[in-house]
Protein backbone atom coordinates (compact mmCIF):
# COMPACT_ATOMS: atom_id res chain seq x y z
CA MET A 1 165.28 68.12 163.90
CA LYS A 2 166.27 71.37 162.29
CA LYS A 3 167.88 73.97 164.26
CA PRO A 4 165.74 77.07 164.70
CA THR A 5 166.57 80.16 162.68
CA VAL A 6 168.17 83.11 164.38
CA PHE A 7 165.07 85.12 163.78
CA PHE A 8 162.78 82.53 165.30
CA THR A 9 165.13 82.35 168.41
CA LEU A 10 165.09 86.02 168.78
CA PHE A 11 161.38 86.24 168.28
CA ALA A 12 160.64 83.41 170.81
CA ALA A 13 163.03 85.20 173.41
CA PHE A 14 161.40 88.56 173.06
CA PHE A 15 157.88 87.11 173.06
CA PHE A 16 158.40 84.76 176.27
CA GLY A 17 161.10 86.84 177.94
CA GLY A 18 159.56 90.31 177.80
CA CYS A 19 161.77 93.44 178.50
CA GLN A 20 164.79 91.21 179.52
CA TYR A 21 165.21 90.31 175.93
CA ALA A 22 164.12 93.68 174.32
CA GLY A 23 167.53 95.10 175.37
CA ILE A 24 169.22 92.35 173.25
CA VAL A 25 167.25 93.23 170.11
CA SER A 26 167.90 97.05 170.67
CA LEU A 27 171.71 96.34 171.03
CA LEU A 28 171.74 94.39 167.75
CA GLY A 29 169.98 97.33 166.10
CA THR A 30 172.55 99.79 167.46
CA PRO A 31 175.21 100.99 165.03
CA SER A 32 178.69 100.05 165.97
CA GLN A 33 181.42 102.69 166.49
CA TYR A 34 182.48 102.15 162.81
CA GLU A 35 178.91 102.74 161.53
CA GLN A 36 177.99 105.80 163.68
CA GLU A 37 178.28 109.13 162.13
CA ILE A 38 178.95 112.83 163.24
CA ALA A 39 176.11 114.87 161.92
CA ALA A 40 177.19 117.63 159.49
CA GLU A 41 177.26 121.18 160.57
CA TYR A 42 175.84 122.00 157.12
CA ASP A 43 175.11 119.05 154.84
CA LEU A 44 176.19 119.77 151.43
CA SER A 45 174.99 116.47 150.25
CA LYS A 46 171.43 117.92 150.65
CA HIS A 47 172.37 120.57 148.17
CA LYS A 48 174.09 118.62 145.28
CA ASP A 49 172.12 120.35 142.73
CA GLN A 50 173.76 123.81 143.57
CA LYS A 51 176.98 124.88 142.05
CA LEU A 52 179.91 125.63 144.51
CA LEU A 53 183.09 127.61 144.03
CA VAL A 54 186.00 126.77 146.36
CA LEU A 55 187.95 130.24 146.54
CA VAL A 56 191.25 130.17 148.52
CA ASP A 57 193.02 133.36 149.50
CA GLN A 58 196.77 133.16 149.92
CA PRO A 59 197.96 136.50 151.33
CA GLY A 60 201.37 137.71 150.13
CA TRP A 61 202.60 137.89 153.63
CA VAL A 62 202.29 134.03 154.07
CA ASN A 63 205.94 133.08 153.64
CA THR A 64 206.00 130.16 151.21
CA SER A 65 206.77 129.42 147.57
CA GLU A 66 204.04 126.71 147.60
CA ASN A 67 200.88 127.57 145.54
CA LEU A 68 198.58 126.81 148.37
CA ARG A 69 195.60 128.25 146.31
CA TYR A 70 196.11 125.49 143.81
CA TYR A 71 196.74 122.52 146.13
CA LEU A 72 194.00 123.39 148.72
CA THR A 73 191.47 123.97 146.07
CA ARG A 74 192.20 120.68 144.41
CA ALA A 75 192.23 118.78 147.63
CA ILE A 76 189.02 120.40 148.82
CA ASN A 77 187.23 119.68 145.44
CA LYS A 78 188.32 115.97 145.74
CA ASN A 79 186.98 115.57 149.16
CA LEU A 80 183.73 117.17 148.20
CA LYS A 81 183.33 114.90 145.30
CA GLU A 82 184.27 111.71 147.25
CA MET A 83 182.78 112.43 150.67
CA ALA A 84 179.83 114.74 149.95
CA LYS A 85 179.07 113.21 146.61
CA ILE A 86 178.97 116.46 144.75
CA GLN A 87 179.14 115.97 140.93
CA PRO A 88 182.27 117.48 139.20
CA GLU A 89 180.07 119.68 137.06
CA HIS A 90 178.82 121.37 140.25
CA LEU A 91 182.34 122.40 141.29
CA VAL A 92 184.35 125.26 139.58
CA ASP A 93 187.53 123.93 138.14
CA TYR A 94 190.64 125.52 139.47
CA ASN A 95 192.02 126.38 135.90
CA ASP A 96 188.84 128.40 135.13
CA LEU A 97 189.18 130.39 138.25
CA SER A 98 192.91 130.94 137.68
CA GLU A 99 192.11 132.32 134.11
CA PHE A 100 189.37 134.54 135.63
CA ARG A 101 191.88 135.68 138.21
CA SER A 102 194.44 136.54 135.63
CA ASN A 103 192.04 138.57 133.50
CA LYS A 104 190.89 140.60 136.48
CA SER A 105 193.27 143.32 137.50
CA ASP A 106 191.13 144.15 140.52
CA PHE A 107 190.60 140.47 141.39
CA SER A 108 191.78 141.04 144.95
CA LEU A 109 189.26 143.77 145.57
CA LEU A 110 186.27 141.46 144.51
CA PRO A 111 184.05 140.10 147.37
CA PRO A 112 184.02 136.29 147.30
CA VAL A 113 180.28 136.24 146.40
CA GLU A 114 180.89 138.41 143.35
CA VAL A 115 183.59 135.96 142.16
CA GLY A 116 181.02 133.13 142.78
CA ARG A 117 178.30 134.97 140.75
CA ALA A 118 180.69 135.16 137.81
CA PHE A 119 180.62 131.39 137.62
CA ASP A 120 177.04 131.04 138.38
CA ALA A 121 177.74 129.44 141.70
CA ASN A 122 175.13 129.26 144.41
CA MET A 123 177.75 129.01 147.12
CA VAL A 124 181.32 129.88 147.80
CA LEU A 125 183.56 128.00 150.18
CA PHE A 126 185.98 130.92 151.12
CA VAL A 127 189.18 129.88 152.53
CA VAL A 128 191.85 132.26 154.01
CA VAL A 129 195.28 130.99 154.59
CA GLU A 130 196.52 132.62 157.91
CA ASP A 131 199.94 130.78 158.57
CA TYR A 132 202.13 128.21 156.89
CA HIS A 133 205.41 126.87 158.10
CA LEU A 134 207.50 124.01 156.65
CA ARG A 135 211.02 123.72 157.82
CA LYS A 136 213.71 121.11 157.74
CA ILE A 137 214.98 119.55 160.89
CA ALA A 138 218.63 118.95 160.19
CA GLN A 139 219.52 116.61 163.02
CA GLU A 140 216.49 114.40 162.39
CA GLY A 141 216.59 114.60 158.45
CA GLY A 142 212.82 115.37 158.30
CA HIS A 143 210.45 118.29 158.10
CA GLU A 144 208.25 119.94 160.87
CA GLY A 145 205.05 121.54 159.47
CA PHE A 146 202.22 123.81 160.29
CA LEU A 147 199.26 125.24 158.35
CA ALA A 148 196.35 127.49 159.74
CA ALA A 149 193.38 128.68 157.79
CA ARG A 150 190.00 129.97 158.30
CA VAL A 151 186.94 128.96 156.19
CA VAL A 152 183.18 130.22 155.67
CA LEU A 153 180.43 128.99 153.40
CA LEU A 154 178.60 131.84 151.69
CA ASP A 155 175.28 132.18 149.70
CA THR A 156 175.88 134.09 146.56
CA ALA A 157 172.09 135.13 146.33
CA THR A 158 171.65 136.63 149.77
CA GLU A 159 175.45 137.19 150.44
CA GLY A 160 174.67 135.72 153.87
CA GLN A 161 176.88 133.11 155.68
CA LEU A 162 175.70 129.54 155.63
CA TRP A 163 178.35 127.97 157.70
CA PRO A 164 179.50 128.42 160.47
CA GLU A 165 177.12 130.64 162.38
CA ALA A 166 177.96 134.25 161.44
CA PRO A 167 179.88 136.24 162.11
CA LYS A 168 182.30 133.50 163.08
CA SER A 169 184.52 131.56 160.84
CA LYS A 170 185.85 127.94 161.26
CA SER A 171 189.43 127.96 162.41
CA ILE A 172 191.58 125.12 161.05
CA LYS A 173 195.05 124.23 162.38
CA VAL A 174 196.96 121.15 161.27
CA GLY A 175 200.53 120.26 161.85
CA PHE A 176 203.16 117.56 162.60
CA GLU A 177 206.46 117.33 164.34
CA THR A 178 208.32 115.25 161.89
CA GLU A 179 207.62 113.95 158.28
CA GLY A 180 210.63 112.09 156.90
CA ARG A 181 209.59 111.50 153.33
CA GLY A 182 210.77 114.67 151.94
CA GLN A 183 209.48 118.43 151.49
CA THR A 184 207.05 117.61 148.75
CA VAL A 185 205.44 114.93 150.74
CA ALA A 186 205.35 117.01 153.81
CA ALA A 187 203.61 119.98 152.06
CA GLN A 188 201.12 117.37 150.52
CA ARG A 189 200.41 116.01 153.96
CA LEU A 190 199.58 119.57 155.51
CA VAL A 191 197.34 120.51 152.56
CA ALA A 192 195.40 117.20 152.71
CA ALA A 193 194.78 117.32 156.39
CA CYS A 194 193.75 121.00 156.21
CA ALA A 195 191.35 120.11 153.43
CA TYR A 196 190.08 117.07 155.30
CA CYS A 197 189.54 119.07 158.56
CA MET A 198 187.52 121.70 156.56
CA THR A 199 185.28 119.39 154.61
CA ARG A 200 184.39 116.76 157.35
CA TYR A 201 181.98 119.26 158.67
CA LEU A 202 180.04 119.35 155.57
CA TYR A 203 178.73 115.84 155.28
CA ASN A 204 177.87 113.12 157.82
CA CYS A 205 181.34 112.05 158.63
CA PRO A 206 181.88 108.43 160.09
CA LYS A 207 182.82 108.91 163.68
CA SER A 208 185.73 106.43 163.33
CA LYS A 209 187.19 108.70 160.52
CA PHE A 210 186.47 112.14 161.97
CA SER A 211 189.60 112.77 163.95
CA VAL A 212 193.20 112.88 162.23
CA THR A 213 196.57 113.09 163.90
CA GLU A 214 197.49 116.26 162.16
CA ASP A 215 194.59 118.19 163.74
CA LYS A 216 196.04 120.79 165.93
CA SER A 217 192.97 123.17 166.10
CA ARG A 218 193.68 124.28 169.75
CA ILE A 219 197.46 124.80 169.15
CA GLY A 220 198.94 128.01 167.78
CA TRP A 221 202.25 128.17 165.89
CA GLN A 222 203.94 129.98 168.68
CA GLU A 223 203.12 127.02 171.11
CA TRP A 224 204.06 124.51 168.41
CA GLU A 225 207.48 126.12 168.18
CA ARG A 226 208.03 125.71 171.72
């Protein structure tokens, strides 16, 4: 005699066992923790036909020789392409933005939405770097790092704020106590973590991947130093 199929077994159990087995079927249909997703706060995957500009402001008082504008823009665009499935043609290339910046003597005075309109962008992901520290720990031979930024998503047509809810901005803080693979890797790690912690809110992120060890959103640099 052939063994009954799994389908037949479950069907018979449900039919003859009633509610006792309904829970089994329900459990089998429940996503595992690796399949569950945290819903996007603003789902860019539903607006893939719209053009987006990532605009990073690195104030002069941020004490670093690193070109955070370049590295953050590149990392954010990479995440948006891979995670939110935005096509490259719907993202403004950093080189084009850099050329535009160089040719505009009043660039620093332009509102983000006006810069977006110059590239026919529908939205601007505007990022402001607030703090950046990367210092060598002599006794350990590694680096300690911290990066803080704020981010908002703007609509160039209405000049309104799409995400987060106005007038707030999303505060992102990332850091680590020790990175032993050199200054370049340490800087790349900070930038990658910061970009990820921003973009994870803009698509349905798998629950198992939402948290990262570098996320220090509730910690200020002063507390980090202590």
